[in-house]
Structures are given as C-alpha cells and as structure tokens.
Amino acid sequence: MHYCVANMPGIVPRTSTYALTNATLNYVLELANKGFARAVAENEALRKGINIYKGKVTCDGVAQAYQMKCENYQG
C-alpha cells in the first residue's frame, strides 16, 4: 500500500527538517563558497534549478504555464 499526503512532513517535523537539510545543505554551501555564477557554471543540478534569471524565464515548464518565452540561461 502506498499513502501520500502533501502535508505528511508536518506529522514528523524534526525528521523532515533533517531530511530536507541533508538534501539541500551541500547546494547551499556550494553557493556560499563559490558564489552564484561559479556554482551554477560548475553544477548542472543548480543550473537546472534556475527558473528565472535577470527577469527572463529560463525554465520551459514555467514559460509554458505562463505562456511566456523561454530563454536559455546565460550566466
């Protein structure tokens, strides 16, 4: 059986906080240590997470949802 509810992390806030921190801390440290431009240039996962940059939509899904033009990220 599979059970999925969007607010399940609210039932175990401490555990879910640790899980989120473990999943994201390395990205935060990379951004802090290298700065945005270098971190994004060197890390494809960070680059894929950019939806809007300098006022331009860089994510196809976001552009389609809002019927806007999508432009490639130019860092």
PDB file of N, CA and C in Angstrom:
ATOM      1  N   MET A   1       0.840  -1.168   0.000  1.00  0.00           N
ATOM      2  CA  MET A   1       0.000   0.000   0.000  1.00  0.00           C
ATOM      3  C   MET A   1       0.891   1.238   0.000  1.00  0.00           C
ATOM      4  N   HIS A   2       0.503   2.212  -0.774  1.00  0.00           N
ATOM      5  CA  HIS A   2       1.223   3.482  -0.837  1.00  0.00           C
ATOM      6  C   HIS A   2       0.284   4.573  -0.361  1.00  0.00           C
ATOM      7  N   TYR A   3       0.765   5.420   0.523  1.00  0.00           N
ATOM      8  CA  TYR A   3      -0.043   6.504   1.071  1.00  0.00           C
ATOM      9  C   TYR A   3       0.743   7.796   0.918  1.00  0.00           C
ATOM     10  N   CYS A   4       0.180   8.753   0.231  1.00  0.00           N
ATOM     11  CA  CYS A   4       0.880  10.012   0.011  1.00  0.00           C
ATOM     12  C   CYS A   4      -0.050  11.181   0.288  1.00  0.00           C
ATOM     13  N   VAL A   5       0.350  12.016   1.208  1.00  0.00           N
ATOM     14  CA  VAL A   5      -0.397  13.226   1.539  1.00  0.00           C
ATOM     15  C   VAL A   5       0.617  14.365   1.559  1.00  0.00           C
ATOM     16  N   ALA A   6       0.272  15.457   0.936  1.00  0.00           N
ATOM     17  CA  ALA A   6       1.215  16.572   0.785  1.00  0.00           C
ATOM     18  C   ALA A   6       1.762  17.080   2.115  1.00  0.00           C
ATOM     19  N   ASN A   7       0.990  17.028   3.175  1.00  0.00           N
ATOM     20  CA  ASN A   7       1.426  17.604   4.441  1.00  0.00           C
ATOM     21  C   ASN A   7       1.970  16.560   5.417  1.00  0.00           C
ATOM     22  N   MET A   8       2.345  15.385   4.959  1.00  0.00           N
ATOM     23  CA  MET A   8       2.885  14.361   5.859  1.00  0.00           C
ATOM     24  C   MET A   8       4.106  14.839   6.638  1.00  0.00           C
ATOM     25  N   PRO A   9       5.010  15.680   6.064  1.00  0.00           N
ATOM     26  CA  PRO A   9       6.151  16.135   6.867  1.00  0.00           C
ATOM     27  C   PRO A   9       5.733  16.877   8.139  1.00  0.00           C
ATOM     28  N   GLY A  10       4.531  17.450   8.149  1.00  0.00           N
ATOM     29  CA  GLY A  10       4.049  18.144   9.342  1.00  0.00           C
ATOM     30  C   GLY A  10       3.845  17.226  10.524  1.00  0.00           C
ATOM     31  N   ILE A  11       3.672  15.951  10.274  1.00  0.00           N
ATOM     32  CA  ILE A  11       3.478  14.985  11.351  1.00  0.00           C
ATOM     33  C   ILE A  11       4.815  14.677  12.034  1.00  0.00           C
ATOM     34  N   VAL A  12       5.892  14.746  11.292  1.00  0.00           N
ATOM     35  CA  VAL A  12       7.234  14.461  11.827  1.00  0.00           C
ATOM     36  C   VAL A  12       8.165  15.630  11.504  1.00  0.00           C
ATOM     37  N   PRO A  13       7.920  16.798  12.088  1.00  0.00           N
ATOM     38  CA  PRO A  13       8.663  17.996  11.699  1.00  0.00           C
ATOM     39  C   PRO A  13      10.169  17.904  11.913  1.00  0.00           C
ATOM     40  N   ARG A  14      10.589  17.293  12.987  1.00  0.00           N
ATOM     41  CA  ARG A  14      12.032  17.203  13.246  1.00  0.00           C
ATOM     42  C   ARG A  14      12.717  16.313  12.206  1.00  0.00           C
ATOM     43  N   THR A  15      12.138  15.155  11.956  1.00  0.00           N
ATOM     44  CA  THR A  15      12.699  14.230  10.975  1.00  0.00           C
ATOM     45  C   THR A  15      12.695  14.843   9.581  1.00  0.00           C
ATOM     46  N   SER A  16      11.592  15.486   9.205  1.00  0.00           N
ATOM     47  CA  SER A  16      11.520  16.067   7.869  1.00  0.00           C
ATOM     48  C   SER A  16      12.492  17.232   7.720  1.00  0.00           C
ATOM     49  N   THR A  17      12.747  17.968   8.782  1.00  0.00           N
ATOM     50  CA  THR A  17      13.721  19.057   8.739  1.00  0.00           C
ATOM     51  C   THR A  17      15.124  18.506   8.510  1.00  0.00           C
ATOM     52  N   TYR A  18      15.470  17.427   9.207  1.00  0.00           N
ATOM     53  CA  TYR A  18      16.775  16.800   8.985  1.00  0.00           C
ATOM     54  C   TYR A  18      16.896  16.281   7.551  1.00  0.00           C
ATOM     55  N   ALA A  19      15.848  15.676   7.042  1.00  0.00           N
ATOM     56  CA  ALA A  19      15.880  15.144   5.675  1.00  0.00           C
ATOM     57  C   ALA A  19      16.072  16.273   4.659  1.00  0.00           C
ATOM     58  N   LEU A  20      15.334  17.358   4.823  1.00  0.00           N
ATOM     59  CA  LEU A  20      15.455  18.494   3.903  1.00  0.00           C
ATOM     60  C   LEU A  20      16.849  19.118   3.997  1.00  0.00           C
ATOM     61  N   THR A  21      17.355  19.259   5.217  1.00  0.00           N
ATOM     62  CA  THR A  21      18.688  19.829   5.404  1.00  0.00           C
ATOM     63  C   THR A  21      19.751  18.951   4.759  1.00  0.00           C
ATOM     64  N   ASN A  22      19.648  17.650   4.957  1.00  0.00           N
ATOM     65  CA  ASN A  22      20.631  16.735   4.355  1.00  0.00           C
ATOM     66  C   ASN A  22      20.582  16.784   2.835  1.00  0.00           C
ATOM     67  N   ALA A  23      19.418  17.012   2.270  1.00  0.00           N
ATOM     68  CA  ALA A  23      19.276  17.037   0.812  1.00  0.00           C
ATOM     69  C   ALA A  23      19.737  18.355   0.200  1.00  0.00           C
ATOM     70  N   THR A  24      19.705  19.441   0.962  1.00  0.00           N
ATOM     71  CA  THR A  24      19.973  20.757   0.373  1.00  0.00           C
ATOM     72  C   THR A  24      21.241  21.444   0.869  1.00  0.00           C
ATOM     73  N   LEU A  25      21.791  21.026   1.995  1.00  0.00           N
ATOM     74  CA  LEU A  25      22.912  21.746   2.594  1.00  0.00           C
ATOM     75  C   LEU A  25      24.116  21.848   1.665  1.00  0.00           C
ATOM     76  N   ASN A  26      24.448  20.786   0.952  1.00  0.00           N
ATOM     77  CA  ASN A  26      25.608  20.849   0.059  1.00  0.00           C
ATOM     78  C   ASN A  26      25.441  21.915  -1.019  1.00  0.00           C
ATOM     79  N   TYR A  27      24.224  22.088  -1.520  1.00  0.00           N
ATOM     80  CA  TYR A  27      23.976  23.126  -2.523  1.00  0.00           C
ATOM     81  C   TYR A  27      24.134  24.517  -1.914  1.00  0.00           C
ATOM     82  N   VAL A  28      23.622  24.695  -0.722  1.00  0.00           N
ATOM     83  CA  VAL A  28      23.736  25.984  -0.038  1.00  0.00           C
ATOM     84  C   VAL A  28      25.203  26.322   0.207  1.00  0.00           C
ATOM     85  N   LEU A  29      25.964  25.340   0.682  1.00  0.00           N
ATOM     86  CA  LEU A  29      27.389  25.575   0.925  1.00  0.00           C
ATOM     87  C   LEU A  29      28.145  25.889  -0.361  1.00  0.00           C
ATOM     88  N   GLU A  30      27.791  25.198  -1.432  1.00  0.00           N
ATOM     89  CA  GLU A  30      28.445  25.462  -2.712  1.00  0.00           C
ATOM     90  C   GLU A  30      28.162  26.885  -3.188  1.00  0.00           C
ATOM     91  N   LEU A  31      26.918  27.321  -3.067  1.00  0.00           N
ATOM     92  CA  LEU A  31      26.569  28.695  -3.443  1.00  0.00           C
ATOM     93  C   LEU A  31      27.302  29.701  -2.561  1.00  0.00           C
ATOM     94  N   ALA A  32      27.375  29.425  -1.266  1.00  0.00           N
ATOM     95  CA  ALA A  32      28.037  30.342  -0.335  1.00  0.00           C
ATOM     96  C   ALA A  32      29.536  30.415  -0.589  1.00  0.00           C
ATOM     97  N   ASN A  33      30.153  29.286  -0.849  1.00  0.00           N
ATOM     98  CA  ASN A  33      31.611  29.252  -1.020  1.00  0.00           C
ATOM     99  C   ASN A  33      32.082  29.724  -2.389  1.00  0.00           C
ATOM    100  N   LYS A  34      31.303  29.446  -3.413  1.00  0.00           N
ATOM    101  CA  LYS A  34      31.741  29.774  -4.775  1.00  0.00           C
ATOM    102  C   LYS A  34      31.076  31.017  -5.347  1.00  0.00           C
ATOM    103  N   GLY A  35      29.963  31.416  -4.778  1.00  0.00           N
ATOM    104  CA  GLY A  35      29.179  32.489  -5.366  1.00  0.00           C
ATOM    105  C   GLY A  35      28.243  31.910  -6.418  1.00  0.00           C
ATOM    106  N   PHE A  36      27.202  32.652  -6.741  1.00  0.00           N
ATOM    107  CA  PHE A  36      26.159  32.162  -7.643  1.00  0.00           C
ATOM    108  C   PHE A  36      26.711  31.770  -9.016  1.00  0.00           C
ATOM    109  N   ALA A  37      27.416  32.667  -9.668  1.00  0.00           N
ATOM    110  CA  ALA A  37      27.850  32.438 -11.054  1.00  0.00           C
ATOM    111  C   ALA A  37      28.736  31.204 -11.187  1.00  0.00           C
ATOM    112  N   ARG A  38      29.735  31.087 -10.317  1.00  0.00           N
ATOM    113  CA  ARG A  38      30.653  29.948 -10.419  1.00  0.00           C
ATOM    114  C   ARG A  38      29.962  28.641 -10.032  1.00  0.00           C
ATOM    115  N   ALA A  39      29.156  28.669  -8.967  1.00  0.00           N
ATOM    116  CA  ALA A  39      28.464  27.454  -8.525  1.00  0.00           C
ATOM    117  C   ALA A  39      27.533  26.932  -9.605  1.00  0.00           C
ATOM    118  N   VAL A  40      26.801  27.816 -10.233  1.00  0.00           N
ATOM    119  CA  VAL A  40      25.861  27.411 -11.276  1.00  0.00           C
ATOM    120  C   VAL A  40      26.608  26.939 -12.523  1.00  0.00           C
ATOM    121  N   ALA A  41      27.721  27.574 -12.843  1.00  0.00           N
ATOM    122  CA  ALA A  41      28.509  27.165 -14.003  1.00  0.00           C
ATOM    123  C   ALA A  41      29.094  25.766 -13.818  1.00  0.00           C
ATOM    124  N   GLU A  42      29.444  25.423 -12.595  1.00  0.00           N
ATOM    125  CA  GLU A  42      30.099  24.149 -12.320  1.00  0.00           C
ATOM    126  C   GLU A  42      29.148  23.030 -11.922  1.00  0.00           C
ATOM    127  N   ASN A  43      27.904  23.361 -11.576  1.00  0.00           N
ATOM    128  CA  ASN A  43      26.985  22.348 -11.066  1.00  0.00           C
ATOM    129  C   ASN A  43      25.701  22.327 -11.892  1.00  0.00           C
ATOM    130  N   GLU A  44      25.536  21.276 -12.670  1.00  0.00           N
ATOM    131  CA  GLU A  44      24.373  21.168 -13.548  1.00  0.00           C
ATOM    132  C   GLU A  44      23.057  21.131 -12.764  1.00  0.00           C
ATOM    133  N   ALA A  45      23.069  20.496 -11.611  1.00  0.00           N
ATOM    134  CA  ALA A  45      21.844  20.414 -10.799  1.00  0.00           C
ATOM    135  C   ALA A  45      21.386  21.805 -10.374  1.00  0.00           C
ATOM    136  N   LEU A  46      22.308  22.649  -9.961  1.00  0.00           N
ATOM    137  CA  LEU A  46      21.948  24.025  -9.601  1.00  0.00           C
ATOM    138  C   LEU A  46      21.443  24.779 -10.825  1.00  0.00           C
ATOM    139  N   ARG A  47      22.129  24.592 -11.944  1.00  0.00           N
ATOM    140  CA  ARG A  47      21.749  25.270 -13.190  1.00  0.00           C
ATOM    141  C   ARG A  47      20.329  24.893 -13.591  1.00  0.00           C
ATOM    142  N   LYS A  48      19.979  23.611 -13.449  1.00  0.00           N
ATOM    143  CA  LYS A  48      18.638  23.163 -13.807  1.00  0.00           C
ATOM    144  C   LYS A  48      17.567  23.733 -12.879  1.00  0.00           C
ATOM    145  N   GLY A  49      17.971  24.185 -11.712  1.00  0.00           N
ATOM    146  CA  GLY A  49      17.016  24.732 -10.750  1.00  0.00           C
ATOM    147  C   GLY A  49      16.677  26.193 -10.966  1.00  0.00           C
ATOM    148  N   ILE A  50      17.307  26.827 -11.927  1.00  0.00           N
ATOM    149  CA  ILE A  50      17.033  28.243 -12.188  1.00  0.00           C
ATOM    150  C   ILE A  50      15.782  28.357 -13.049  1.00  0.00           C
ATOM    151  N   ASN A  51      14.779  29.047 -12.551  1.00  0.00           N
ATOM    152  CA  ASN A  51      13.536  29.257 -13.295  1.00  0.00           C
ATOM    153  C   ASN A  51      13.491  30.631 -13.949  1.00  0.00           C
ATOM    154  N   ILE A  52      14.030  31.622 -13.260  1.00  0.00           N
ATOM    155  CA  ILE A  52      14.041  32.996 -13.772  1.00  0.00           C
ATOM    156  C   ILE A  52      15.404  33.597 -13.452  1.00  0.00           C
ATOM    157  N   TYR A  53      16.023  34.236 -14.439  1.00  0.00           N
ATOM    158  CA  TYR A  53      17.321  34.869 -14.237  1.00  0.00           C
ATOM    159  C   TYR A  53      17.323  36.208 -14.948  1.00  0.00           C
ATOM    160  N   LYS A  54      17.636  37.250 -14.195  1.00  0.00           N
ATOM    161  CA  LYS A  54      17.682  38.618 -14.716  1.00  0.00           C
ATOM    162  C   LYS A  54      16.394  38.968 -15.462  1.00  0.00           C
ATOM    163  N   GLY A  55      15.272  38.582 -14.872  1.00  0.00           N
ATOM    164  CA  GLY A  55      13.966  38.933 -15.420  1.00  0.00           C
ATOM    165  C   GLY A  55      13.492  38.094 -16.594  1.00  0.00           C
ATOM    166  N   LYS A  56      14.253  37.064 -16.966  1.00  0.00           N
ATOM    167  CA  LYS A  56      13.875  36.227 -18.104  1.00  0.00           C
ATOM    168  C   LYS A  56      13.592  34.811 -17.631  1.00  0.00           C
ATOM    169  N   VAL A  57      12.540  34.204 -18.153  1.00  0.00           N
ATOM    170  CA  VAL A  57      12.181  32.844 -17.793  1.00  0.00           C
ATOM    171  C   VAL A  57      13.152  31.885 -18.470  1.00  0.00           C
ATOM    172  N   THR A  58      13.754  30.994 -17.682  1.00  0.00           N
ATOM    173  CA  THR A  58      14.752  30.064 -18.206  1.00  0.00           C
ATOM    174  C   THR A  58      14.314  28.607 -18.070  1.00  0.00           C
ATOM    175  N   CYS A  59      13.094  28.383 -17.644  1.00  0.00           N
ATOM    176  CA  CYS A  59      12.574  27.031 -17.445  1.00  0.00           C
ATOM    177  C   CYS A  59      11.376  26.815 -18.373  1.00  0.00           C
ATOM    178  N   ASP A  60      11.463  25.788 -19.215  1.00  0.00           N
ATOM    179  CA  ASP A  60      10.396  25.526 -20.179  1.00  0.00           C
ATOM    180  C   ASP A  60       9.032  25.379 -19.513  1.00  0.00           C
ATOM    181  N   GLY A  61       8.972  24.618 -18.431  1.00  0.00           N
ATOM    182  CA  GLY A  61       7.694  24.387 -17.755  1.00  0.00           C
ATOM    183  C   GLY A  61       7.063  25.660 -17.237  1.00  0.00           C
ATOM    184  N   VAL A  62       7.861  26.531 -16.661  1.00  0.00           N
ATOM    185  CA  VAL A  62       7.352  27.813 -16.154  1.00  0.00           C
ATOM    186  C   VAL A  62       6.886  28.676 -17.327  1.00  0.00           C
ATOM    187  N   ALA A  63       7.679  28.724 -18.384  1.00  0.00           N
ATOM    188  CA  ALA A  63       7.309  29.525 -19.557  1.00  0.00           C
ATOM    189  C   ALA A  63       5.993  29.048 -20.151  1.00  0.00           C
ATOM    190  N   GLN A  64       5.821  27.740 -20.263  1.00  0.00           N
ATOM    191  CA  GLN A  64       4.582  27.188 -20.818  1.00  0.00           C
ATOM    192  C   GLN A  64       3.393  27.488 -19.915  1.00  0.00           C
ATOM    193  N   ALA A  65       3.590  27.341 -18.615  1.00  0.00           N
ATOM    194  CA  ALA A  65       2.497  27.574 -17.666  1.00  0.00           C
ATOM    195  C   ALA A  65       1.985  29.009 -17.731  1.00  0.00           C
ATOM    196  N   TYR A  66       2.891  29.938 -18.000  1.00  0.00           N
ATOM    197  CA  TYR A  66       2.504  31.355 -18.031  1.00  0.00           C
ATOM    198  C   TYR A  66       2.490  31.926 -19.440  1.00  0.00           C
ATOM    199  N   GLN A  67       2.573  31.050 -20.427  1.00  0.00           N
ATOM    200  CA  GLN A  67       2.539  31.450 -21.833  1.00  0.00           C
ATOM    201  C   GLN A  67       3.553  32.568 -22.114  1.00  0.00           C
ATOM    202  N   MET A  68       4.780  32.293 -21.698  1.00  0.00           N
ATOM    203  CA  MET A  68       5.865  33.255 -21.894  1.00  0.00           C
ATOM    204  C   MET A  68       6.958  32.611 -22.734  1.00  0.00           C
ATOM    205  N   LYS A  69       7.859  33.419 -23.227  1.00  0.00           N
ATOM    206  CA  LYS A  69       9.003  32.926 -23.988  1.00  0.00           C
ATOM    207  C   LYS A  69      10.054  32.392 -23.018  1.00  0.00           C
ATOM    208  N   CYS A  70      10.632  31.254 -23.378  1.00  0.00           N
ATOM    209  CA  CYS A  70      11.696  30.666 -22.564  1.00  0.00           C
ATOM    210  C   CYS A  70      13.034  30.974 -23.224  1.00  0.00           C
ATOM    211  N   GLU A  71      13.978  31.456 -22.425  1.00  0.00           N
ATOM    212  CA  GLU A  71      15.318  31.762 -22.940  1.00  0.00           C
ATOM    213  C   GLU A  71      16.328  30.908 -22.209  1.00  0.00           C
ATOM    214  N   ASN A  72      17.373  30.490 -22.876  1.00  0.00           N
ATOM    215  CA  ASN A  72      18.427  29.720 -22.247  1.00  0.00           C
ATOM    216  C   ASN A  72      19.122  30.550 -21.198  1.00  0.00           C
ATOM    217  N   TYR A  73      19.531  29.891 -20.113  1.00  0.00           N
ATOM    218  CA  TYR A  73      20.291  30.572 -19.058  1.00  0.00           C
ATOM    219  C   TYR A  73      21.624  31.034 -19.635  1.00  0.00           C
ATOM    220  N   GLN A  74      21.910  32.298 -19.478  1.00  0.00           N
ATOM    221  CA  GLN A  74      23.183  32.871 -19.922  1.00  0.00           C
ATOM    222  C   GLN A  74      23.834  33.531 -18.724  1.00  0.00           C
ATOM    223  N   GLY A  75      24.659  32.773 -18.014  1.00  0.00           N
ATOM    224  CA  GLY A  75      25.250  33.274 -16.771  1.00  0.00           C
ATOM    225  C   GLY A  75      26.467  34.081 -16.917  1.00  0.00           C
TER     226      GLY A  75
END
